[in-house]
Amino acid sequence: MRFTTMRLCGGEALMAISADDLRLDMGRVPARLEGVGCAVRQSDDMMAVFDWKGMEATLYPQGKVMFFPLKDRSLCVRYATEILEMLV
């Protein structure tokens, strides 16, 4: 998967933006995340907020994933890839 990364929240968060428009089925996301041990904090058809490796992650239907706190771009891409590969 290919991504663009963007710094957010004064540099404390990173977002991985998928080069492909994935159109994730957000209705199925919570069950899949919980199935791999992620605690889902909030979920609707616009986003899912969950715990990922000690961080807060927010997933959007277009395949964007934001991690807070995170400053390492390579980890951002690696984590986003792991998440999206298990969801698509």
PDB file of N, CA and C in Angstrom:
ATOM      1  N   MET A   1       0.844  -1.178   0.000  1.00  0.00           N
ATOM      2  CA  MET A   1       0.000   0.000   0.000  1.00  0.00           C
ATOM      3  C   MET A   1       0.888   1.239   0.000  1.00  0.00           C
ATOM      4  N   ARG A   2       0.398   2.280  -0.651  1.00  0.00           N
ATOM      5  CA  ARG A   2       1.122   3.538  -0.704  1.00  0.00           C
ATOM      6  C   ARG A   2       0.359   4.597   0.086  1.00  0.00           C
ATOM      7  N   PHE A   3       1.120   5.431   0.796  1.00  0.00           N
ATOM      8  CA  PHE A   3       0.524   6.450   1.649  1.00  0.00           C
ATOM      9  C   PHE A   3       1.251   7.774   1.507  1.00  0.00           C
ATOM     10  N   THR A   4       0.530   8.826   1.813  1.00  0.00           N
ATOM     11  CA  THR A   4       1.091  10.132   2.088  1.00  0.00           C
ATOM     12  C   THR A   4       0.917  10.309   3.587  1.00  0.00           C
ATOM     13  N   THR A   5       1.861  10.964   4.252  1.00  0.00           N
ATOM     14  CA  THR A   5       1.685  11.223   5.682  1.00  0.00           C
ATOM     15  C   THR A   5       1.569  12.721   5.911  1.00  0.00           C
ATOM     16  N   MET A   6       0.856  13.069   6.989  1.00  0.00           N
ATOM     17  CA  MET A   6       0.636  14.459   7.334  1.00  0.00           C
ATOM     18  C   MET A   6       0.757  14.606   8.847  1.00  0.00           C
ATOM     19  N   ARG A   7       1.474  15.625   9.298  1.00  0.00           N
ATOM     20  CA  ARG A   7       1.570  15.925  10.724  1.00  0.00           C
ATOM     21  C   ARG A   7       0.344  16.736  11.142  1.00  0.00           C
ATOM     22  N   LEU A   8      -0.186  16.402  12.319  1.00  0.00           N
ATOM     23  CA  LEU A   8      -1.359  17.088  12.856  1.00  0.00           C
ATOM     24  C   LEU A   8      -1.137  17.409  14.329  1.00  0.00           C
ATOM     25  N   CYS A   9      -2.001  18.203  14.885  1.00  0.00           N
ATOM     26  CA  CYS A   9      -2.009  18.498  16.328  1.00  0.00           C
ATOM     27  C   CYS A   9      -0.655  19.016  16.807  1.00  0.00           C
ATOM     28  N   GLY A  10      -0.088  19.967  16.101  1.00  0.00           N
ATOM     29  CA  GLY A  10       1.186  20.535  16.512  1.00  0.00           C
ATOM     30  C   GLY A  10       2.337  19.558  16.443  1.00  0.00           C
ATOM     31  N   GLY A  11       2.229  18.556  15.597  1.00  0.00           N
ATOM     32  CA  GLY A  11       3.300  17.576  15.433  1.00  0.00           C
ATOM     33  C   GLY A  11       3.189  16.376  16.351  1.00  0.00           C
ATOM     34  N   GLU A  12       2.160  16.318  17.176  1.00  0.00           N
ATOM     35  CA  GLU A  12       1.987  15.207  18.109  1.00  0.00           C
ATOM     36  C   GLU A  12       1.260  14.020  17.491  1.00  0.00           C
ATOM     37  N   ALA A  13       0.656  14.216  16.339  1.00  0.00           N
ATOM     38  CA  ALA A  13      -0.097  13.152  15.676  1.00  0.00           C
ATOM     39  C   ALA A  13       0.332  13.068  14.212  1.00  0.00           C
ATOM     40  N   LEU A  14       0.173  11.888  13.655  1.00  0.00           N
ATOM     41  CA  LEU A  14       0.435  11.669  12.234  1.00  0.00           C
ATOM     42  C   LEU A  14      -0.771  10.992  11.603  1.00  0.00           C
ATOM     43  N   MET A  15      -1.035  11.351  10.357  1.00  0.00           N
ATOM     44  CA  MET A  15      -2.096  10.693   9.605  1.00  0.00           C
ATOM     45  C   MET A  15      -1.482  10.063   8.363  1.00  0.00           C
ATOM     46  N   ALA A  16      -1.842   8.812   8.133  1.00  0.00           N
ATOM     47  CA  ALA A  16      -1.476   8.123   6.896  1.00  0.00           C
ATOM     48  C   ALA A  16      -2.689   8.195   5.985  1.00  0.00           C
ATOM     49  N   ILE A  17      -2.458   8.691   4.775  1.00  0.00           N
ATOM     50  CA  ILE A  17      -3.533   8.856   3.801  1.00  0.00           C
ATOM     51  C   ILE A  17      -3.277   7.898   2.651  1.00  0.00           C
ATOM     52  N   SER A  18      -4.157   6.936   2.497  1.00  0.00           N
ATOM     53  CA  SER A  18      -3.991   5.925   1.455  1.00  0.00           C
ATOM     54  C   SER A  18      -4.056   6.556   0.070  1.00  0.00           C
ATOM     55  N   ALA A  19      -3.169   6.108  -0.806  1.00  0.00           N
ATOM     56  CA  ALA A  19      -3.181   6.590  -2.195  1.00  0.00           C
ATOM     57  C   ALA A  19      -4.423   6.097  -2.927  1.00  0.00           C
ATOM     58  N   ASP A  20      -5.008   5.020  -2.442  1.00  0.00           N
ATOM     59  CA  ASP A  20      -6.222   4.462  -3.034  1.00  0.00           C
ATOM     60  C   ASP A  20      -7.427   4.844  -2.189  1.00  0.00           C
ATOM     61  N   ASP A  21      -8.543   5.179  -2.824  1.00  0.00           N
ATOM     62  CA  ASP A  21      -9.785   5.461  -2.111  1.00  0.00           C
ATOM     63  C   ASP A  21     -10.437   4.122  -1.802  1.00  0.00           C
ATOM     64  N   LEU A  22     -10.391   3.719  -0.548  1.00  0.00           N
ATOM     65  CA  LEU A  22     -10.790   2.360  -0.190  1.00  0.00           C
ATOM     66  C   LEU A  22     -12.277   2.176   0.062  1.00  0.00           C
ATOM     67  N   ARG A  23     -12.990   3.213   0.478  1.00  0.00           N
ATOM     68  CA  ARG A  23     -14.431   3.084   0.777  1.00  0.00           C
ATOM     69  C   ARG A  23     -14.706   1.931   1.742  1.00  0.00           C
ATOM     70  N   LEU A  24     -14.136   2.011   2.918  1.00  0.00           N
ATOM     71  CA  LEU A  24     -14.314   0.961   3.921  1.00  0.00           C
ATOM     72  C   LEU A  24     -15.762   0.889   4.391  1.00  0.00           C
ATOM     73  N   ASP A  25     -16.220  -0.303   4.681  1.00  0.00           N
ATOM     74  CA  ASP A  25     -17.549  -0.514   5.242  1.00  0.00           C
ATOM     75  C   ASP A  25     -17.437  -0.291   6.750  1.00  0.00           C
ATOM     76  N   MET A  26     -17.741   0.905   7.198  1.00  0.00           N
ATOM     77  CA  MET A  26     -17.548   1.269   8.594  1.00  0.00           C
ATOM     78  C   MET A  26     -18.476   0.501   9.538  1.00  0.00           C
ATOM     79  N   GLY A  27     -19.524  -0.091   9.012  1.00  0.00           N
ATOM     80  CA  GLY A  27     -20.400  -0.907   9.844  1.00  0.00           C
ATOM     81  C   GLY A  27     -19.735  -2.197  10.303  1.00  0.00           C
ATOM     82  N   ARG A  28     -18.775  -2.683   9.543  1.00  0.00           N
ATOM     83  CA  ARG A  28     -18.069  -3.927   9.880  1.00  0.00           C
ATOM     84  C   ARG A  28     -16.783  -3.692  10.669  1.00  0.00           C
ATOM     85  N   VAL A  29     -16.282  -2.481  10.654  1.00  0.00           N
ATOM     86  CA  VAL A  29     -14.981  -2.171  11.256  1.00  0.00           C
ATOM     87  C   VAL A  29     -14.907  -2.497  12.749  1.00  0.00           C
ATOM     88  N   PRO A  30     -15.876  -2.085  13.583  1.00  0.00           N
ATOM     89  CA  PRO A  30     -15.738  -2.346  15.019  1.00  0.00           C
ATOM     90  C   PRO A  30     -15.565  -3.828  15.362  1.00  0.00           C
ATOM     91  N   ALA A  31     -16.343  -4.685  14.761  1.00  0.00           N
ATOM     92  CA  ALA A  31     -16.244  -6.117  15.060  1.00  0.00           C
ATOM     93  C   ALA A  31     -14.881  -6.674  14.648  1.00  0.00           C
ATOM     94  N   ARG A  32     -14.381  -6.245  13.506  1.00  0.00           N
ATOM     95  CA  ARG A  32     -13.069  -6.724  13.056  1.00  0.00           C
ATOM     96  C   ARG A  32     -11.955  -6.237  13.979  1.00  0.00           C
ATOM     97  N   LEU A  33     -12.026  -4.976  14.389  1.00  0.00           N
ATOM     98  CA  LEU A  33     -11.002  -4.445  15.294  1.00  0.00           C
ATOM     99  C   LEU A  33     -11.059  -5.143  16.651  1.00  0.00           C
ATOM    100  N   GLU A  34     -12.261  -5.316  17.169  1.00  0.00           N
ATOM    101  CA  GLU A  34     -12.402  -6.005  18.450  1.00  0.00           C
ATOM    102  C   GLU A  34     -11.947  -7.451  18.339  1.00  0.00           C
ATOM    103  N   GLY A  35     -12.107  -8.054  17.175  1.00  0.00           N
ATOM    104  CA  GLY A  35     -11.680  -9.430  16.951  1.00  0.00           C
ATOM    105  C   GLY A  35     -10.181  -9.620  17.041  1.00  0.00           C
ATOM    106  N   VAL A  36      -9.417  -8.541  16.850  1.00  0.00           N
ATOM    107  CA  VAL A  36      -7.957  -8.631  16.985  1.00  0.00           C
ATOM    108  C   VAL A  36      -7.477  -7.970  18.271  1.00  0.00           C
ATOM    109  N   GLY A  37      -8.418  -7.710  19.199  1.00  0.00           N
ATOM    110  CA  GLY A  37      -8.049  -7.221  20.519  1.00  0.00           C
ATOM    111  C   GLY A  37      -7.998  -5.718  20.701  1.00  0.00           C
ATOM    112  N   CYS A  38      -8.503  -4.958  19.747  1.00  0.00           N
ATOM    113  CA  CYS A  38      -8.520  -3.500  19.877  1.00  0.00           C
ATOM    114  C   CYS A  38      -9.775  -3.061  20.625  1.00  0.00           C
ATOM    115  N   ALA A  39      -9.601  -2.133  21.554  1.00  0.00           N
ATOM    116  CA  ALA A  39     -10.748  -1.550  22.247  1.00  0.00           C
ATOM    117  C   ALA A  39     -11.278  -0.405  21.387  1.00  0.00           C
ATOM    118  N   VAL A  40     -12.513  -0.537  20.926  1.00  0.00           N
ATOM    119  CA  VAL A  40     -13.131   0.501  20.100  1.00  0.00           C
ATOM    120  C   VAL A  40     -13.834   1.479  21.036  1.00  0.00           C
ATOM    121  N   ARG A  41     -13.421   2.743  20.979  1.00  0.00           N
ATOM    122  CA  ARG A  41     -13.987   3.780  21.847  1.00  0.00           C
ATOM    123  C   ARG A  41     -15.236   4.416  21.265  1.00  0.00           C
ATOM    124  N   GLN A  42     -15.232   4.604  19.959  1.00  0.00           N
ATOM    125  CA  GLN A  42     -16.356   5.254  19.283  1.00  0.00           C
ATOM    126  C   GLN A  42     -16.378   4.762  17.845  1.00  0.00           C
ATOM    127  N   SER A  43     -17.564   4.606  17.304  1.00  0.00           N
ATOM    128  CA  SER A  43     -17.665   4.175  15.918  1.00  0.00           C
ATOM    129  C   SER A  43     -18.995   4.624  15.335  1.00  0.00           C
ATOM    130  N   ASP A  44     -18.923   5.152  14.124  1.00  0.00           N
ATOM    131  CA  ASP A  44     -20.121   5.472  13.355  1.00  0.00           C
ATOM    132  C   ASP A  44     -19.751   5.348  11.879  1.00  0.00           C
ATOM    133  N   ASP A  45     -20.591   5.833  11.001  1.00  0.00           N
ATOM    134  CA  ASP A  45     -20.292   5.660   9.575  1.00  0.00           C
ATOM    135  C   ASP A  45     -19.239   6.640   9.053  1.00  0.00           C
ATOM    136  N   MET A  46     -18.766   7.574   9.894  1.00  0.00           N
ATOM    137  CA  MET A  46     -17.757   8.551   9.475  1.00  0.00           C
ATOM    138  C   MET A  46     -16.356   8.262  10.025  1.00  0.00           C
ATOM    139  N   MET A  47     -16.265   7.522  11.145  1.00  0.00           N
ATOM    140  CA  MET A  47     -14.960   7.216  11.716  1.00  0.00           C
ATOM    141  C   MET A  47     -15.080   6.167  12.810  1.00  0.00           C
ATOM    142  N   ALA A  48     -13.935   5.568  13.117  1.00  0.00           N
ATOM    143  CA  ALA A  48     -13.837   4.644  14.247  1.00  0.00           C
ATOM    144  C   ALA A  48     -12.607   5.052  15.047  1.00  0.00           C
ATOM    145  N   VAL A  49     -12.783   5.226  16.350  1.00  0.00           N
ATOM    146  CA  VAL A  49     -11.693   5.581  17.253  1.00  0.00           C
ATOM    147  C   VAL A  49     -11.417   4.357  18.108  1.00  0.00           C
ATOM    148  N   PHE A  50     -10.140   3.938  18.148  1.00  0.00           N
ATOM    149  CA  PHE A  50      -9.800   2.715  18.864  1.00  0.00           C
ATOM    150  C   PHE A  50      -8.367   2.788  19.376  1.00  0.00           C
ATOM    151  N   ASP A  51      -8.038   1.876  20.286  1.00  0.00           N
ATOM    152  CA  ASP A  51      -6.680   1.791  20.820  1.00  0.00           C
ATOM    153  C   ASP A  51      -5.840   0.918  19.905  1.00  0.00           C
ATOM    154  N   TRP A  52      -4.621   1.390  19.611  1.00  0.00           N
ATOM    155  CA  TRP A  52      -3.697   0.649  18.754  1.00  0.00           C
ATOM    156  C   TRP A  52      -2.283   0.814  19.291  1.00  0.00           C
ATOM    157  N   LYS A  53      -1.718  -0.237  19.837  1.00  0.00           N
ATOM    158  CA  LYS A  53      -0.328  -0.264  20.306  1.00  0.00           C
ATOM    159  C   LYS A  53      -0.013   0.907  21.230  1.00  0.00           C
ATOM    160  N   GLY A  54      -0.918   1.151  22.179  1.00  0.00           N
ATOM    161  CA  GLY A  54      -0.712   2.200  23.170  1.00  0.00           C
ATOM    162  C   GLY A  54      -1.055   3.608  22.714  1.00  0.00           C
ATOM    163  N   MET A  55      -1.646   3.733  21.545  1.00  0.00           N
ATOM    164  CA  MET A  55      -2.032   5.040  21.006  1.00  0.00           C
ATOM    165  C   MET A  55      -3.521   5.053  20.719  1.00  0.00           C
ATOM    166  N   GLU A  56      -4.016   6.246  20.478  1.00  0.00           N
ATOM    167  CA  GLU A  56      -5.375   6.392  19.969  1.00  0.00           C
ATOM    168  C   GLU A  56      -5.274   6.453  18.451  1.00  0.00           C
ATOM    169  N   ALA A  57      -6.069   5.648  17.778  1.00  0.00           N
ATOM    170  CA  ALA A  57      -6.103   5.648  16.312  1.00  0.00           C
ATOM    171  C   ALA A  57      -7.515   6.008  15.864  1.00  0.00           C
ATOM    172  N   THR A  58      -7.585   6.772  14.803  1.00  0.00           N
ATOM    173  CA  THR A  58      -8.869   7.127  14.208  1.00  0.00           C
ATOM    174  C   THR A  58      -8.830   6.709  12.746  1.00  0.00           C
ATOM    175  N   LEU A  59      -9.798   5.915  12.357  1.00  0.00           N
ATOM    176  CA  LEU A  59      -9.889   5.386  10.999  1.00  0.00           C
ATOM    177  C   LEU A  59     -11.078   6.031  10.290  1.00  0.00           C
ATOM    178  N   TYR A  60     -10.846   6.449   9.046  1.00  0.00           N
ATOM    179  CA  TYR A  60     -11.881   7.076   8.233  1.00  0.00           C
ATOM    180  C   TYR A  60     -12.200   6.178   7.038  1.00  0.00           C
ATOM    181  N   PRO A  61     -13.414   6.268   6.495  1.00  0.00           N
ATOM    182  CA  PRO A  61     -13.834   5.351   5.430  1.00  0.00           C
ATOM    183  C   PRO A  61     -12.995   5.404   4.154  1.00  0.00           C
ATOM    184  N   GLN A  62     -12.304   6.505   3.898  1.00  0.00           N
ATOM    185  CA  GLN A  62     -11.490   6.637   2.686  1.00  0.00           C
ATOM    186  C   GLN A  62     -10.133   5.949   2.819  1.00  0.00           C
ATOM    187  N   GLY A  63      -9.848   5.373   3.983  1.00  0.00           N
ATOM    188  CA  GLY A  63      -8.564   4.713   4.191  1.00  0.00           C
ATOM    189  C   GLY A  63      -7.535   5.592   4.868  1.00  0.00           C
ATOM    190  N   LYS A  64      -7.964   6.671   5.494  1.00  0.00           N
ATOM    191  CA  LYS A  64      -7.071   7.519   6.272  1.00  0.00           C
ATOM    192  C   LYS A  64      -7.023   6.978   7.696  1.00  0.00           C
ATOM    193  N   VAL A  65      -5.815   7.004   8.289  1.00  0.00           N
ATOM    194  CA  VAL A  65      -5.672   6.549   9.671  1.00  0.00           C
ATOM    195  C   VAL A  65      -4.805   7.561  10.408  1.00  0.00           C
ATOM    196  N   MET A  66      -5.324   8.109  11.511  1.00  0.00           N
ATOM    197  CA  MET A  66      -4.582   9.054  12.332  1.00  0.00           C
ATOM    198  C   MET A  66      -4.160   8.371  13.629  1.00  0.00           C
ATOM    199  N   PHE A  67      -2.917   8.616  14.040  1.00  0.00           N
ATOM    200  CA  PHE A  67      -2.374   8.054  15.279  1.00  0.00           C
ATOM    201  C   PHE A  67      -1.945   9.187  16.201  1.00  0.00           C
ATOM    202  N   PHE A  68      -2.341   9.087  17.478  1.00  0.00           N
ATOM    203  CA  PHE A  68      -1.963  10.075  18.485  1.00  0.00           C
ATOM    204  C   PHE A  68      -1.594   9.373  19.777  1.00  0.00           C
ATOM    205  N   PRO A  69      -0.478   9.667  20.379  1.00  0.00           N
ATOM    206  CA  PRO A  69       0.630  10.451  19.857  1.00  0.00           C
ATOM    207  C   PRO A  69       1.554   9.573  19.022  1.00  0.00           C
ATOM    208  N   LEU A  70       2.079  10.130  17.960  1.00  0.00           N
ATOM    209  CA  LEU A  70       3.059   9.438  17.119  1.00  0.00           C
ATOM    210  C   LEU A  70       3.802  10.471  16.290  1.00  0.00           C
ATOM    211  N   LYS A  71       5.128  10.345  16.238  1.00  0.00           N
ATOM    212  CA  LYS A  71       5.955  11.278  15.474  1.00  0.00           C
ATOM    213  C   LYS A  71       6.771  10.593  14.391  1.00  0.00           C
ATOM    214  N   ASP A  72       6.818   9.268  14.384  1.00  0.00           N
ATOM    215  CA  ASP A  72       7.642   8.506  13.446  1.00  0.00           C
ATOM    216  C   ASP A  72       6.833   8.163  12.194  1.00  0.00           C
ATOM    217  N   ARG A  73       7.202   8.764  11.067  1.00  0.00           N
ATOM    218  CA  ARG A  73       6.457   8.566   9.817  1.00  0.00           C
ATOM    219  C   ARG A  73       6.481   7.111   9.338  1.00  0.00           C
ATOM    220  N   SER A  74       7.613   6.427   9.491  1.00  0.00           N
ATOM    221  CA  SER A  74       7.677   5.042   9.019  1.00  0.00           C
ATOM    222  C   SER A  74       6.767   4.140   9.849  1.00  0.00           C
ATOM    223  N   LEU A  75       6.689   4.375  11.156  1.00  0.00           N
ATOM    224  CA  LEU A  75       5.754   3.606  11.987  1.00  0.00           C
ATOM    225  C   LEU A  75       4.312   3.918  11.606  1.00  0.00           C
ATOM    226  N   CYS A  76       4.040   5.162  11.297  1.00  0.00           N
ATOM    227  CA  CYS A  76       2.692   5.556  10.888  1.00  0.00           C
ATOM    228  C   CYS A  76       2.251   4.753   9.666  1.00  0.00           C
ATOM    229  N   VAL A  77       3.116   4.671   8.680  1.00  0.00           N
ATOM    230  CA  VAL A  77       2.793   3.923   7.454  1.00  0.00           C
ATOM    231  C   VAL A  77       2.679   2.436   7.763  1.00  0.00           C
ATOM    232  N   ARG A  78       3.583   1.906   8.573  1.00  0.00           N
ATOM    233  CA  ARG A  78       3.535   0.481   8.908  1.00  0.00           C
ATOM    234  C   ARG A  78       2.250   0.122   9.650  1.00  0.00           C
ATOM    235  N   TYR A  79       1.888   0.927  10.653  1.00  0.00           N
ATOM    236  CA  TYR A  79       0.675   0.653  11.416  1.00  0.00           C
ATOM    237  C   TYR A  79      -0.581   0.795  10.545  1.00  0.00           C
ATOM    238  N   ALA A  80      -0.625   1.817   9.705  1.00  0.00           N
ATOM    239  CA  ALA A  80      -1.785   1.999   8.821  1.00  0.00           C
ATOM    240  C   ALA A  80      -1.921   0.815   7.864  1.00  0.00           C
ATOM    241  N   THR A  81      -0.791   0.340   7.361  1.00  0.00           N
ATOM    242  CA  THR A  81      -0.814  -0.829   6.476  1.00  0.00           C
ATOM    243  C   THR A  81      -1.362  -2.046   7.197  1.00  0.00           C
ATOM    244  N   GLU A  82      -0.888  -2.283   8.412  1.00  0.00           N
ATOM    245  CA  GLU A  82      -1.369  -3.426   9.198  1.00  0.00           C
ATOM    246  C   GLU A  82      -2.882  -3.345   9.410  1.00  0.00           C
ATOM    247  N   ILE A  83      -3.364  -2.178   9.774  1.00  0.00           N
ATOM    248  CA  ILE A  83      -4.791  -2.008  10.038  1.00  0.00           C
ATOM    249  C   ILE A  83      -5.619  -2.203   8.763  1.00  0.00           C
ATOM    250  N   LEU A  84      -5.232  -1.532   7.705  1.00  0.00           N
ATOM    251  CA  LEU A  84      -6.023  -1.611   6.473  1.00  0.00           C
ATOM    252  C   LEU A  84      -5.976  -2.992   5.829  1.00  0.00           C
ATOM    253  N   GLU A  85      -4.841  -3.689   5.925  1.00  0.00           N
ATOM    254  CA  GLU A  85      -4.786  -5.026   5.356  1.00  0.00           C
ATOM    255  C   GLU A  85      -5.727  -5.996   6.048  1.00  0.00           C
ATOM    256  N   MET A  86      -5.990  -5.793   7.329  1.00  0.00           N
ATOM    257  CA  MET A  86      -6.908  -6.704   8.001  1.00  0.00           C
ATOM    258  C   MET A  86      -8.372  -6.312   7.776  1.00  0.00           C
ATOM    259  N   LEU A  87      -8.611  -5.110   7.241  1.00  0.00           N
ATOM    260  CA  LEU A  87      -9.980  -4.633   7.042  1.00  0.00           C
ATOM    261  C   LEU A  87     -10.477  -4.732   5.606  1.00  0.00           C
ATOM    262  N   VAL A  88      -9.561  -4.803   4.639  1.00  0.00           N
ATOM    263  CA  VAL A  88     -10.022  -4.833   3.240  1.00  0.00           C
ATOM    264  C   VAL A  88     -10.005  -6.248   2.698  1.00  0.00           C
TER     265      VAL A  88
END
